[in-house]
Amino acid sequence: MAGWGRRALALLLDWFASMLVAATFAGPGVFSSRGLEAWAPMAVFLVEASVLTPLLGGSFGQLLTRVAVVRVDGKPLNLLLAVARTFLICLVIPPLIFNRDQRGLHDLVAGTVTVRR
């Protein structure tokens, strides 16, 4: 299992990268807390993590911190489950509710586990 430190660092790297990409396309308004542009980093993160997780086994930050997302049953993770998992991460609360195996609600819904590479 991947520890909380690696997972938090991966999320921080993902968010930083999402802010930079969003600022490139939407302008400096993404750094403020006003307007529609403030939601652009969240949209970038949703797309980035949802696409990279089934393709490469993790988001940008997870790849850098050597964390992988795998299905518990060993099957490949599909795009629909990856979108559902990432959407729940965007809601913030589901990852904070977890079981003894350190699997948050987002992992339980998607049938995944976050492991070290």
PDB file of N, CA and C in Angstrom:
ATOM      1  N   MET A   1       0.838  -1.180   0.000  1.00  0.00           N
ATOM      2  CA  MET A   1       0.000   0.000   0.000  1.00  0.00           C
ATOM      3  C   MET A   1       0.889   1.252   0.000  1.00  0.00           C
ATOM      4  N   ALA A   2       0.436   2.248  -0.709  1.00  0.00           N
ATOM      5  CA  ALA A   2       1.151   3.528  -0.714  1.00  0.00           C
ATOM      6  C   ALA A   2       0.802   4.291   0.564  1.00  0.00           C
ATOM      7  N   GLY A   3       1.791   4.889   1.160  1.00  0.00           N
ATOM      8  CA  GLY A   3       1.570   5.644   2.387  1.00  0.00           C
ATOM      9  C   GLY A   3       0.899   6.988   2.121  1.00  0.00           C
ATOM     10  N   TRP A   4       0.406   7.574   3.193  1.00  0.00           N
ATOM     11  CA  TRP A   4      -0.298   8.857   3.070  1.00  0.00           C
ATOM     12  C   TRP A   4       0.627   9.964   2.588  1.00  0.00           C
ATOM     13  N   GLY A   5       1.893   9.923   2.971  1.00  0.00           N
ATOM     14  CA  GLY A   5       2.832  10.959   2.551  1.00  0.00           C
ATOM     15  C   GLY A   5       2.997  11.006   1.041  1.00  0.00           C
ATOM     16  N   ARG A   6       3.217   9.841   0.440  1.00  0.00           N
ATOM     17  CA  ARG A   6       3.350   9.773  -1.025  1.00  0.00           C
ATOM     18  C   ARG A   6       2.072  10.213  -1.713  1.00  0.00           C
ATOM     19  N   ARG A   7       0.960   9.787  -1.170  1.00  0.00           N
ATOM     20  CA  ARG A   7      -0.321  10.120  -1.796  1.00  0.00           C
ATOM     21  C   ARG A   7      -0.610  11.619  -1.720  1.00  0.00           C
ATOM     22  N   ALA A   8      -0.298  12.222  -0.576  1.00  0.00           N
ATOM     23  CA  ALA A   8      -0.500  13.666  -0.420  1.00  0.00           C
ATOM     24  C   ALA A   8       0.443  14.447  -1.341  1.00  0.00           C
ATOM     25  N   LEU A   9       1.681  14.012  -1.428  1.00  0.00           N
ATOM     26  CA  LEU A   9       2.633  14.666  -2.323  1.00  0.00           C
ATOM     27  C   LEU A   9       2.179  14.534  -3.776  1.00  0.00           C
ATOM     28  N   ALA A  10       1.683  13.369  -4.153  1.00  0.00           N
ATOM     29  CA  ALA A  10       1.182  13.164  -5.517  1.00  0.00           C
ATOM     30  C   ALA A  10       0.023  14.118  -5.812  1.00  0.00           C
ATOM     31  N   LEU A  11      -0.885  14.271  -4.863  1.00  0.00           N
ATOM     32  CA  LEU A  11      -2.019  15.176  -5.053  1.00  0.00           C
ATOM     33  C   LEU A  11      -1.545  16.624  -5.157  1.00  0.00           C
ATOM     34  N   LEU A  12      -0.570  16.999  -4.356  1.00  0.00           N
ATOM     35  CA  LEU A  12      -0.013  18.352  -4.412  1.00  0.00           C
ATOM     36  C   LEU A  12       0.637  18.614  -5.770  1.00  0.00           C
ATOM     37  N   LEU A  13       1.399  17.654  -6.279  1.00  0.00           N
ATOM     38  CA  LEU A  13       2.018  17.790  -7.600  1.00  0.00           C
ATOM     39  C   LEU A  13       0.962  17.861  -8.707  1.00  0.00           C
ATOM     40  N   ASP A  14      -0.068  17.039  -8.584  1.00  0.00           N
ATOM     41  CA  ASP A  14      -1.164  17.078  -9.559  1.00  0.00           C
ATOM     42  C   ASP A  14      -1.838  18.450  -9.560  1.00  0.00           C
ATOM     43  N   TRP A  15      -2.090  18.970  -8.369  1.00  0.00           N
ATOM     44  CA  TRP A  15      -2.786  20.253  -8.279  1.00  0.00           C
ATOM     45  C   TRP A  15      -1.917  21.386  -8.837  1.00  0.00           C
ATOM     46  N   PHE A  16      -0.641  21.369  -8.533  1.00  0.00           N
ATOM     47  CA  PHE A  16       0.274  22.393  -9.044  1.00  0.00           C
ATOM     48  C   PHE A  16       0.317  22.341 -10.571  1.00  0.00           C
ATOM     49  N   ALA A  17       0.447  21.147 -11.135  1.00  0.00           N
ATOM     50  CA  ALA A  17       0.471  20.992 -12.589  1.00  0.00           C
ATOM     51  C   ALA A  17      -0.857  21.427 -13.203  1.00  0.00           C
ATOM     52  N   SER A  18      -1.959  21.106 -12.545  1.00  0.00           N
ATOM     53  CA  SER A  18      -3.281  21.504 -13.044  1.00  0.00           C
ATOM     54  C   SER A  18      -3.441  23.023 -13.039  1.00  0.00           C
ATOM     55  N   MET A  19      -2.906  23.663 -12.014  1.00  0.00           N
ATOM     56  CA  MET A  19      -2.961  25.127 -11.949  1.00  0.00           C
ATOM     57  C   MET A  19      -2.181  25.744 -13.107  1.00  0.00           C
ATOM     58  N   LEU A  20      -0.997  25.202 -13.384  1.00  0.00           N
ATOM     59  CA  LEU A  20      -0.179  25.737 -14.474  1.00  0.00           C
ATOM     60  C   LEU A  20      -0.845  25.536 -15.831  1.00  0.00           C
ATOM     61  N   VAL A  21      -1.383  24.361 -16.066  1.00  0.00           N
ATOM     62  CA  VAL A  21      -2.066  24.088 -17.346  1.00  0.00           C
ATOM     63  C   VAL A  21      -3.301  24.967 -17.472  1.00  0.00           C
ATOM     64  N   ALA A  22      -4.076  25.074 -16.414  1.00  0.00           N
ATOM     65  CA  ALA A  22      -5.289  25.912 -16.450  1.00  0.00           C
ATOM     66  C   ALA A  22      -4.939  27.378 -16.685  1.00  0.00           C
ATOM     67  N   ALA A  23      -3.869  27.853 -16.054  1.00  0.00           N
ATOM     68  CA  ALA A  23      -3.456  29.244 -16.241  1.00  0.00           C
ATOM     69  C   ALA A  23      -3.003  29.489 -17.674  1.00  0.00           C
ATOM     70  N   THR A  24      -2.412  28.488 -18.293  1.00  0.00           N
ATOM     71  CA  THR A  24      -1.979  28.609 -19.686  1.00  0.00           C
ATOM     72  C   THR A  24      -3.171  28.834 -20.613  1.00  0.00           C
ATOM     73  N   PHE A  25      -4.254  28.136 -20.351  1.00  0.00           N
ATOM     74  CA  PHE A  25      -5.426  28.220 -21.227  1.00  0.00           C
ATOM     75  C   PHE A  25      -6.456  29.254 -20.786  1.00  0.00           C
ATOM     76  N   ALA A  26      -6.655  29.418 -19.485  1.00  0.00           N
ATOM     77  CA  ALA A  26      -7.715  30.306 -18.990  1.00  0.00           C
ATOM     78  C   ALA A  26      -7.194  31.642 -18.488  1.00  0.00           C
ATOM     79  N   GLY A  27      -5.887  31.790 -18.342  1.00  0.00           N
ATOM     80  CA  GLY A  27      -5.325  33.044 -17.874  1.00  0.00           C
ATOM     81  C   GLY A  27      -5.098  33.059 -16.378  1.00  0.00           C
ATOM     82  N   PRO A  28      -4.599  34.184 -15.872  1.00  0.00           N
ATOM     83  CA  PRO A  28      -4.239  34.273 -14.452  1.00  0.00           C
ATOM     84  C   PRO A  28      -5.432  34.261 -13.503  1.00  0.00           C
ATOM     85  N   GLY A  29      -6.651  34.309 -14.029  1.00  0.00           N
ATOM     86  CA  GLY A  29      -7.834  34.250 -13.175  1.00  0.00           C
ATOM     87  C   GLY A  29      -7.956  32.951 -12.407  1.00  0.00           C
ATOM     88  N   VAL A  30      -7.233  31.917 -12.827  1.00  0.00           N
ATOM     89  CA  VAL A  30      -7.304  30.633 -12.117  1.00  0.00           C
ATOM     90  C   VAL A  30      -6.665  30.717 -10.731  1.00  0.00           C
ATOM     91  N   PHE A  31      -5.807  31.710 -10.509  1.00  0.00           N
ATOM     92  CA  PHE A  31      -5.150  31.853  -9.222  1.00  0.00           C
ATOM     93  C   PHE A  31      -5.981  32.633  -8.213  1.00  0.00           C
ATOM     94  N   SER A  32      -7.085  33.210  -8.658  1.00  0.00           N
ATOM     95  CA  SER A  32      -7.971  33.929  -7.741  1.00  0.00           C
ATOM     96  C   SER A  32      -9.092  32.999  -7.309  1.00  0.00           C
ATOM     97  N   SER A  33      -9.842  33.421  -6.348  1.00  0.00           N
ATOM     98  CA  SER A  33     -10.956  32.591  -5.897  1.00  0.00           C
ATOM     99  C   SER A  33     -12.281  33.109  -6.435  1.00  0.00           C
ATOM    100  N   ARG A  34     -12.227  33.890  -7.500  1.00  0.00           N
ATOM    101  CA  ARG A  34     -13.448  34.461  -8.063  1.00  0.00           C
ATOM    102  C   ARG A  34     -13.633  34.014  -9.499  1.00  0.00           C
ATOM    103  N   GLY A  35     -14.870  33.950  -9.907  1.00  0.00           N
ATOM    104  CA  GLY A  35     -15.180  33.699 -11.303  1.00  0.00           C
ATOM    105  C   GLY A  35     -15.076  32.244 -11.704  1.00  0.00           C
ATOM    106  N   LEU A  36     -15.494  32.010 -12.919  1.00  0.00           N
ATOM    107  CA  LEU A  36     -15.509  30.663 -13.475  1.00  0.00           C
ATOM    108  C   LEU A  36     -14.109  30.104 -13.686  1.00  0.00           C
ATOM    109  N   GLU A  37     -13.136  30.989 -13.928  1.00  0.00           N
ATOM    110  CA  GLU A  37     -11.762  30.521 -14.146  1.00  0.00           C
ATOM    111  C   GLU A  37     -11.198  29.794 -12.936  1.00  0.00           C
ATOM    112  N   ALA A  38     -11.696  30.097 -11.750  1.00  0.00           N
ATOM    113  CA  ALA A  38     -11.197  29.458 -10.534  1.00  0.00           C
ATOM    114  C   ALA A  38     -11.476  27.954 -10.536  1.00  0.00           C
ATOM    115  N   TRP A  39     -12.454  27.508 -11.336  1.00  0.00           N
ATOM    116  CA  TRP A  39     -12.777  26.081 -11.415  1.00  0.00           C
ATOM    117  C   TRP A  39     -11.957  25.358 -12.478  1.00  0.00           C
ATOM    118  N   ALA A  40     -11.213  26.076 -13.286  1.00  0.00           N
ATOM    119  CA  ALA A  40     -10.443  25.462 -14.369  1.00  0.00           C
ATOM    120  C   ALA A  40      -9.414  24.436 -13.864  1.00  0.00           C
ATOM    121  N   PRO A  41      -8.666  24.704 -12.789  1.00  0.00           N
ATOM    122  CA  PRO A  41      -7.712  23.682 -12.321  1.00  0.00           C
ATOM    123  C   PRO A  41      -8.401  22.377 -11.921  1.00  0.00           C
ATOM    124  N   MET A  42      -9.589  22.477 -11.350  1.00  0.00           N
ATOM    125  CA  MET A  42     -10.326  21.269 -10.969  1.00  0.00           C
ATOM    126  C   MET A  42     -10.713  20.475 -12.211  1.00  0.00           C
ATOM    127  N   ALA A  43     -11.139  21.175 -13.263  1.00  0.00           N
ATOM    128  CA  ALA A  43     -11.495  20.504 -14.517  1.00  0.00           C
ATOM    129  C   ALA A  43     -10.273  19.854 -15.156  1.00  0.00           C
ATOM    130  N   VAL A  44      -9.148  20.555 -15.126  1.00  0.00           N
ATOM    131  CA  VAL A  44      -7.908  19.991 -15.678  1.00  0.00           C
ATOM    132  C   VAL A  44      -7.507  18.745 -14.893  1.00  0.00           C
ATOM    133  N   PHE A  45      -7.580  18.825 -13.567  1.00  0.00           N
ATOM    134  CA  PHE A  45      -7.246  17.668 -12.731  1.00  0.00           C
ATOM    135  C   PHE A  45      -8.166  16.492 -13.027  1.00  0.00           C
ATOM    136  N   LEU A  46      -9.454  16.762 -13.154  1.00  0.00           N
ATOM    137  CA  LEU A  46     -10.427  15.700 -13.433  1.00  0.00           C
ATOM    138  C   LEU A  46     -10.089  14.978 -14.736  1.00  0.00           C
ATOM    139  N   VAL A  47      -9.789  15.740 -15.763  1.00  0.00           N
ATOM    140  CA  VAL A  47      -9.455  15.143 -17.061  1.00  0.00           C
ATOM    141  C   VAL A  47      -8.106  14.424 -16.990  1.00  0.00           C
ATOM    142  N   GLU A  48      -7.107  15.090 -16.435  1.00  0.00           N
ATOM    143  CA  GLU A  48      -5.753  14.528 -16.383  1.00  0.00           C
ATOM    144  C   GLU A  48      -5.717  13.211 -15.617  1.00  0.00           C
ATOM    145  N   ALA A  49      -6.266  13.193 -14.426  1.00  0.00           N
ATOM    146  CA  ALA A  49      -6.226  11.982 -13.607  1.00  0.00           C
ATOM    147  C   ALA A  49      -7.115  10.880 -14.194  1.00  0.00           C
ATOM    148  N   SER A  50      -8.259  11.271 -14.747  1.00  0.00           N
ATOM    149  CA  SER A  50      -9.177  10.281 -15.320  1.00  0.00           C
ATOM    150  C   SER A  50      -8.596   9.601 -16.551  1.00  0.00           C
ATOM    151  N   VAL A  51      -7.815  10.319 -17.338  1.00  0.00           N
ATOM    152  CA  VAL A  51      -7.242   9.746 -18.558  1.00  0.00           C
ATOM    153  C   VAL A  51      -5.947   8.986 -18.262  1.00  0.00           C
ATOM    154  N   LEU A  52      -5.070   9.579 -17.446  1.00  0.00           N
ATOM    155  CA  LEU A  52      -3.772   8.943 -17.187  1.00  0.00           C
ATOM    156  C   LEU A  52      -3.864   7.700 -16.304  1.00  0.00           C
ATOM    157  N   THR A  53      -4.831   7.665 -15.400  1.00  0.00           N
ATOM    158  CA  THR A  53      -4.917   6.520 -14.496  1.00  0.00           C
ATOM    159  C   THR A  53      -5.166   5.208 -15.235  1.00  0.00           C
ATOM    160  N   PRO A  54      -6.148   5.127 -16.141  1.00  0.00           N
ATOM    161  CA  PRO A  54      -6.296   3.853 -16.862  1.00  0.00           C
ATOM    162  C   PRO A  54      -5.172   3.597 -17.874  1.00  0.00           C
ATOM    163  N   LEU A  55      -4.614   4.667 -18.443  1.00  0.00           N
ATOM    164  CA  LEU A  55      -3.565   4.484 -19.452  1.00  0.00           C
ATOM    165  C   LEU A  55      -2.207   4.104 -18.861  1.00  0.00           C
ATOM    166  N   LEU A  56      -1.799   4.824 -17.794  1.00  0.00           N
ATOM    167  CA  LEU A  56      -0.458   4.660 -17.249  1.00  0.00           C
ATOM    168  C   LEU A  56      -0.417   4.125 -15.817  1.00  0.00           C
ATOM    169  N   GLY A  57      -1.586   3.947 -15.217  1.00  0.00           N
ATOM    170  CA  GLY A  57      -1.632   3.421 -13.859  1.00  0.00           C
ATOM    171  C   GLY A  57      -1.616   4.476 -12.774  1.00  0.00           C
ATOM    172  N   GLY A  58      -1.704   5.732 -13.145  1.00  0.00           N
ATOM    173  CA  GLY A  58      -1.728   6.793 -12.147  1.00  0.00           C
ATOM    174  C   GLY A  58      -1.714   8.159 -12.790  1.00  0.00           C
ATOM    175  N   SER A  59      -2.019   9.158 -11.998  1.00  0.00           N
ATOM    176  CA  SER A  59      -2.002  10.543 -12.478  1.00  0.00           C
ATOM    177  C   SER A  59      -0.557  11.016 -12.606  1.00  0.00           C
ATOM    178  N   PHE A  60      -0.374  12.222 -13.079  1.00  0.00           N
ATOM    179  CA  PHE A  60       0.959  12.808 -13.238  1.00  0.00           C
ATOM    180  C   PHE A  60       1.728  12.763 -11.911  1.00  0.00           C
ATOM    181  N   GLY A  61       1.102  13.240 -10.863  1.00  0.00           N
ATOM    182  CA  GLY A  61       1.753  13.254  -9.550  1.00  0.00           C
ATOM    183  C   GLY A  61       2.029  11.858  -9.030  1.00  0.00           C
ATOM    184  N   GLN A  62       1.117  10.934  -9.275  1.00  0.00           N
ATOM    185  CA  GLN A  62       1.325   9.561  -8.828  1.00  0.00           C
ATOM    186  C   GLN A  62       2.486   8.909  -9.572  1.00  0.00           C
ATOM    187  N   LEU A  63       2.617   9.222 -10.839  1.00  0.00           N
ATOM    188  CA  LEU A  63       3.740   8.679 -11.597  1.00  0.00           C
ATOM    189  C   LEU A  63       5.066   9.200 -11.054  1.00  0.00           C
ATOM    190  N   LEU A  64       5.114  10.488 -10.712  1.00  0.00           N
ATOM    191  CA  LEU A  64       6.341  11.074 -10.169  1.00  0.00           C
ATOM    192  C   LEU A  64       6.698  10.522  -8.787  1.00  0.00           C
ATOM    193  N   THR A  65       5.693  10.224  -7.988  1.00  0.00           N
ATOM    194  CA  THR A  65       5.940   9.730  -6.627  1.00  0.00           C
ATOM    195  C   THR A  65       5.927   8.201  -6.548  1.00  0.00           C
ATOM    196  N   ARG A  66       5.876   7.568  -7.706  1.00  0.00           N
ATOM    197  CA  ARG A  66       5.917   6.106  -7.806  1.00  0.00           C
ATOM    198  C   ARG A  66       4.772   5.438  -7.066  1.00  0.00           C
ATOM    199  N   VAL A  67       3.572   5.936  -7.331  1.00  0.00           N
ATOM    200  CA  VAL A  67       2.343   5.376  -6.785  1.00  0.00           C
ATOM    201  C   VAL A  67       1.516   4.877  -7.957  1.00  0.00           C
ATOM    202  N   ALA A  68       0.868   3.732  -7.784  1.00  0.00           N
ATOM    203  CA  ALA A  68       0.036   3.176  -8.854  1.00  0.00           C
ATOM    204  C   ALA A  68      -1.364   2.896  -8.322  1.00  0.00           C
ATOM    205  N   VAL A  69      -2.338   3.029  -9.209  1.00  0.00           N
ATOM    206  CA  VAL A  69      -3.722   2.693  -8.897  1.00  0.00           C
ATOM    207  C   VAL A  69      -4.056   1.427  -9.675  1.00  0.00           C
ATOM    208  N   VAL A  70      -4.406   0.372  -8.954  1.00  0.00           N
ATOM    209  CA  VAL A  70      -4.744  -0.897  -9.591  1.00  0.00           C
ATOM    210  C   VAL A  70      -6.086  -1.394  -9.060  1.00  0.00           C
ATOM    211  N   ARG A  71      -6.756  -2.176  -9.875  1.00  0.00           N
ATOM    212  CA  ARG A  71      -8.009  -2.774  -9.426  1.00  0.00           C
ATOM    213  C   ARG A  71      -7.711  -3.947  -8.514  1.00  0.00           C
ATOM    214  N   VAL A  72      -8.556  -4.156  -7.557  1.00  0.00           N
ATOM    215  CA  VAL A  72      -8.390  -5.226  -6.586  1.00  0.00           C
ATOM    216  C   VAL A  72      -8.524  -6.590  -7.272  1.00  0.00           C
ATOM    217  N   ASP A  73      -9.394  -6.689  -8.272  1.00  0.00           N
ATOM    218  CA  ASP A  73      -9.611  -7.969  -8.951  1.00  0.00           C
ATOM    219  C   ASP A  73      -8.584  -8.251 -10.044  1.00  0.00           C
ATOM    220  N   GLY A  74      -7.617  -7.344 -10.237  1.00  0.00           N
ATOM    221  CA  GLY A  74      -6.552  -7.557 -11.208  1.00  0.00           C
ATOM    222  C   GLY A  74      -6.887  -7.166 -12.639  1.00  0.00           C
ATOM    223  N   LYS A  75      -8.124  -6.816 -12.908  1.00  0.00           N
ATOM    224  CA  LYS A  75      -8.519  -6.394 -14.257  1.00  0.00           C
ATOM    225  C   LYS A  75      -8.020  -4.980 -14.513  1.00  0.00           C
ATOM    226  N   PRO A  76      -7.912  -4.580 -15.782  1.00  0.00           N
ATOM    227  CA  PRO A  76      -7.513  -3.200 -16.088  1.00  0.00           C
ATOM    228  C   PRO A  76      -8.596  -2.204 -15.653  1.00  0.00           C
ATOM    229  N   LEU A  77      -8.173  -1.050 -15.212  1.00  0.00           N
ATOM    230  CA  LEU A  77      -9.090   0.013 -14.825  1.00  0.00           C
ATOM    231  C   LEU A  77      -9.612   0.681 -16.085  1.00  0.00           C
ATOM    232  N   ASN A  78     -10.936   0.794 -16.210  1.00  0.00           N
ATOM    233  CA  ASN A  78     -11.496   1.430 -17.401  1.00  0.00           C
ATOM    234  C   ASN A  78     -11.740   2.920 -17.148  1.00  0.00           C
ATOM    235  N   LEU A  79     -12.024   3.633 -18.221  1.00  0.00           N
ATOM    236  CA  LEU A  79     -12.188   5.088 -18.145  1.00  0.00           C
ATOM    237  C   LEU A  79     -13.361   5.487 -17.261  1.00  0.00           C
ATOM    238  N   LEU A  80     -14.467   4.766 -17.331  1.00  0.00           N
ATOM    239  CA  LEU A  80     -15.642   5.112 -16.536  1.00  0.00           C
ATOM    240  C   LEU A  80     -15.340   5.030 -15.037  1.00  0.00           C
ATOM    241  N   LEU A  81     -14.679   3.962 -14.613  1.00  0.00           N
ATOM    242  CA  LEU A  81     -14.314   3.841 -13.195  1.00  0.00           C
ATOM    243  C   LEU A  81     -13.299   4.900 -12.794  1.00  0.00           C
ATOM    244  N   ALA A  82     -12.380   5.219 -13.698  1.00  0.00           N
ATOM    245  CA  ALA A  82     -11.379   6.251 -13.404  1.00  0.00           C
ATOM    246  C   ALA A  82     -12.037   7.619 -13.241  1.00  0.00           C
ATOM    247  N   VAL A  83     -13.020   7.926 -14.079  1.00  0.00           N
ATOM    248  CA  VAL A  83     -13.738   9.204 -13.959  1.00  0.00           C
ATOM    249  C   VAL A  83     -14.503   9.246 -12.639  1.00  0.00           C
ATOM    250  N   ALA A  84     -15.185   8.169 -12.291  1.00  0.00           N
ATOM    251  CA  ALA A  84     -15.937   8.126 -11.032  1.00  0.00           C
ATOM    252  C   ALA A  84     -14.995   8.295  -9.836  1.00  0.00           C
ATOM    253  N   ARG A  85     -13.863   7.606  -9.868  1.00  0.00           N
ATOM    254  CA  ARG A  85     -12.884   7.687  -8.787  1.00  0.00           C
ATOM    255  C   ARG A  85     -12.334   9.106  -8.651  1.00  0.00           C
ATOM    256  N   THR A  86     -11.968   9.709  -9.768  1.00  0.00           N
ATOM    257  CA  THR A  86     -11.408  11.060  -9.745  1.00  0.00           C
ATOM    258  C   THR A  86     -12.455  12.086  -9.325  1.00  0.00           C
ATOM    259  N   PHE A  87     -13.688  11.920  -9.777  1.00  0.00           N
ATOM    260  CA  PHE A  87     -14.762  12.833  -9.370  1.00  0.00           C
ATOM    261  C   PHE A  87     -14.938  12.797  -7.851  1.00  0.00           C
ATOM    262  N   LEU A  88     -14.888  11.617  -7.269  1.00  0.00           N
ATOM    263  CA  LEU A  88     -15.016  11.513  -5.815  1.00  0.00           C
ATOM    264  C   LEU A  88     -13.835  12.160  -5.102  1.00  0.00           C
ATOM    265  N   ILE A  89     -12.652  12.078  -5.690  1.00  0.00           N
ATOM    266  CA  ILE A  89     -11.493  12.777  -5.114  1.00  0.00           C
ATOM    267  C   ILE A  89     -11.734  14.281  -5.146  1.00  0.00           C
ATOM    268  N   CYS A  90     -12.316  14.771  -6.236  1.00  0.00           N
ATOM    269  CA  CYS A  90     -12.599  16.205  -6.365  1.00  0.00           C
ATOM    270  C   CYS A  90     -13.592  16.688  -5.307  1.00  0.00           C
ATOM    271  N   LEU A  91     -14.435  15.805  -4.822  1.00  0.00           N
ATOM    272  CA  LEU A  91     -15.388  16.175  -3.770  1.00  0.00           C
ATOM    273  C   LEU A  91     -14.729  16.314  -2.404  1.00  0.00           C
ATOM    274  N   VAL A  92     -13.482  15.907  -2.263  1.00  0.00           N
ATOM    275  CA  VAL A  92     -12.615  16.027  -1.092  1.00  0.00           C
ATOM    276  C   VAL A  92     -12.973  15.060   0.045  1.00  0.00           C
ATOM    277  N   ILE A  93     -14.200  14.954   0.445  1.00  0.00           N
ATOM    278  CA  ILE A  93     -14.564  14.151   1.615  1.00  0.00           C
ATOM    279  C   ILE A  93     -14.340  12.642   1.402  1.00  0.00           C
ATOM    280  N   PRO A  94     -14.715  12.051   0.255  1.00  0.00           N
ATOM    281  CA  PRO A  94     -14.548  10.585   0.119  1.00  0.00           C
ATOM    282  C   PRO A  94     -13.137  10.053   0.387  1.00  0.00           C
ATOM    283  N   PRO A  95     -12.073  10.729  -0.049  1.00  0.00           N
ATOM    284  CA  PRO A  95     -10.748  10.187   0.284  1.00  0.00           C
ATOM    285  C   PRO A  95     -10.410  10.252   1.776  1.00  0.00           C
ATOM    286  N   LEU A  96     -11.101  11.118   2.506  1.00  0.00           N
ATOM    287  CA  LEU A  96     -10.822  11.263   3.933  1.00  0.00           C
ATOM    288  C   LEU A  96     -11.528  10.210   4.783  1.00  0.00           C
ATOM    289  N   ILE A  97     -12.475   9.494   4.179  1.00  0.00           N
ATOM    290  CA  ILE A  97     -13.178   8.409   4.865  1.00  0.00           C
ATOM    291  C   ILE A  97     -12.610   7.109   4.309  1.00  0.00           C
ATOM    292  N   PHE A  98     -11.917   6.365   5.144  1.00  0.00           N
ATOM    293  CA  PHE A  98     -11.215   5.182   4.650  1.00  0.00           C
ATOM    294  C   PHE A  98     -11.343   4.031   5.638  1.00  0.00           C
ATOM    295  N   ASN A  99     -11.014   2.829   5.165  1.00  0.00           N
ATOM    296  CA  ASN A  99     -11.083   1.641   6.002  1.00  0.00           C
ATOM    297  C   ASN A  99      -9.698   1.273   6.526  1.00  0.00           C
ATOM    298  N   ARG A 100      -9.586   0.105   7.149  1.00  0.00           N
ATOM    299  CA  ARG A 100      -8.308  -0.329   7.727  1.00  0.00           C
ATOM    300  C   ARG A 100      -7.221  -0.533   6.685  1.00  0.00           C
ATOM    301  N   ASP A 101      -7.624  -0.822   5.458  1.00  0.00           N
ATOM    302  CA  ASP A 101      -6.666  -1.042   4.370  1.00  0.00           C
ATOM    303  C   ASP A 101      -6.218   0.259   3.717  1.00  0.00           C
ATOM    304  N   GLN A 102      -6.581   1.390   4.286  1.00  0.00           N
ATOM    305  CA  GLN A 102      -6.274   2.721   3.758  1.00  0.00           C
ATOM    306  C   GLN A 102      -6.913   2.950   2.391  1.00  0.00           C
ATOM    307  N   ARG A 103      -8.032   2.303   2.125  1.00  0.00           N
ATOM    308  CA  ARG A 103      -8.777   2.517   0.887  1.00  0.00           C
ATOM    309  C   ARG A 103      -9.915   3.482   1.195  1.00  0.00           C
ATOM    310  N   GLY A 104      -9.849   4.656   0.574  1.00  0.00           N
ATOM    311  CA  GLY A 104     -10.895   5.651   0.759  1.00  0.00           C
ATOM    312  C   GLY A 104     -12.154   5.249   0.021  1.00  0.00           C
ATOM    313  N   LEU A 105     -13.222   6.010   0.240  1.00  0.00           N
ATOM    314  CA  LEU A 105     -14.482   5.724  -0.452  1.00  0.00           C
ATOM    315  C   LEU A 105     -14.310   5.746  -1.962  1.00  0.00           C
ATOM    316  N   HIS A 106     -13.428   6.616  -2.466  1.00  0.00           N
ATOM    317  CA  HIS A 106     -13.200   6.677  -3.905  1.00  0.00           C
ATOM    318  C   HIS A 106     -12.608   5.370  -4.421  1.00  0.00           C
ATOM    319  N   ASP A 107     -11.715   4.748  -3.647  1.00  0.00           N
ATOM    320  CA  ASP A 107     -11.142   3.461  -4.025  1.00  0.00           C
ATOM    321  C   ASP A 107     -12.155   2.327  -3.864  1.00  0.00           C
ATOM    322  N   LEU A 108     -12.957   2.395  -2.831  1.00  0.00           N
ATOM    323  CA  LEU A 108     -13.955   1.351  -2.616  1.00  0.00           C
ATOM    324  C   LEU A 108     -14.997   1.336  -3.730  1.00  0.00           C
ATOM    325  N   VAL A 109     -15.433   2.522  -4.159  1.00  0.00           N
ATOM    326  CA  VAL A 109     -16.417   2.613  -5.242  1.00  0.00           C
ATOM    327  C   VAL A 109     -15.838   2.075  -6.549  1.00  0.00           C
ATOM    328  N   ALA A 110     -14.593   2.413  -6.837  1.00  0.00           N
ATOM    329  CA  ALA A 110     -13.971   2.001  -8.096  1.00  0.00           C
ATOM    330  C   ALA A 110     -13.372   0.595  -8.031  1.00  0.00           C
ATOM    331  N   GLY A 111     -13.314   0.005  -6.845  1.00  0.00           N
ATOM    332  CA  GLY A 111     -12.706  -1.313  -6.699  1.00  0.00           C
ATOM    333  C   GLY A 111     -11.199  -1.282  -6.907  1.00  0.00           C
ATOM    334  N   THR A 112     -10.570  -0.175  -6.472  1.00  0.00           N
ATOM    335  CA  THR A 112      -9.134   0.008  -6.683  1.00  0.00           C
ATOM    336  C   THR A 112      -8.398   0.089  -5.352  1.00  0.00           C
ATOM    337  N   VAL A 113      -7.083   0.011  -5.465  1.00  0.00           N
ATOM    338  CA  VAL A 113      -6.207   0.199  -4.329  1.00  0.00           C
ATOM    339  C   VAL A 113      -4.994   0.992  -4.825  1.00  0.00           C
ATOM    340  N   THR A 114      -4.456   1.831  -3.963  1.00  0.00           N
ATOM    341  CA  THR A 114      -3.292   2.653  -4.323  1.00  0.00           C
ATOM    342  C   THR A 114      -2.058   2.001  -3.705  1.00  0.00           C
ATOM    343  N   VAL A 115      -1.121   1.629  -4.565  1.00  0.00           N
ATOM    344  CA  VAL A 115       0.064   0.892  -4.117  1.00  0.00           C
ATOM    345  C   VAL A 115       1.341   1.616  -4.537  1.00  0.00           C
ATOM    346  N   ARG A 116       2.449   1.233  -3.912  1.00  0.00           N
ATOM    347  CA  ARG A 116       3.767   1.744  -4.321  1.00  0.00           C
ATOM    348  C   ARG A 116       4.245   0.953  -5.522  1.00  0.00           C
ATOM    349  N   ARG A 117       4.906   1.621  -6.438  1.00  0.00           N
ATOM    350  CA  ARG A 117       5.466   0.943  -7.616  1.00  0.00           C
ATOM    351  C   ARG A 117       6.779   0.299  -7.271  1.00  0.00           C
TER     352      ARG A 117
END
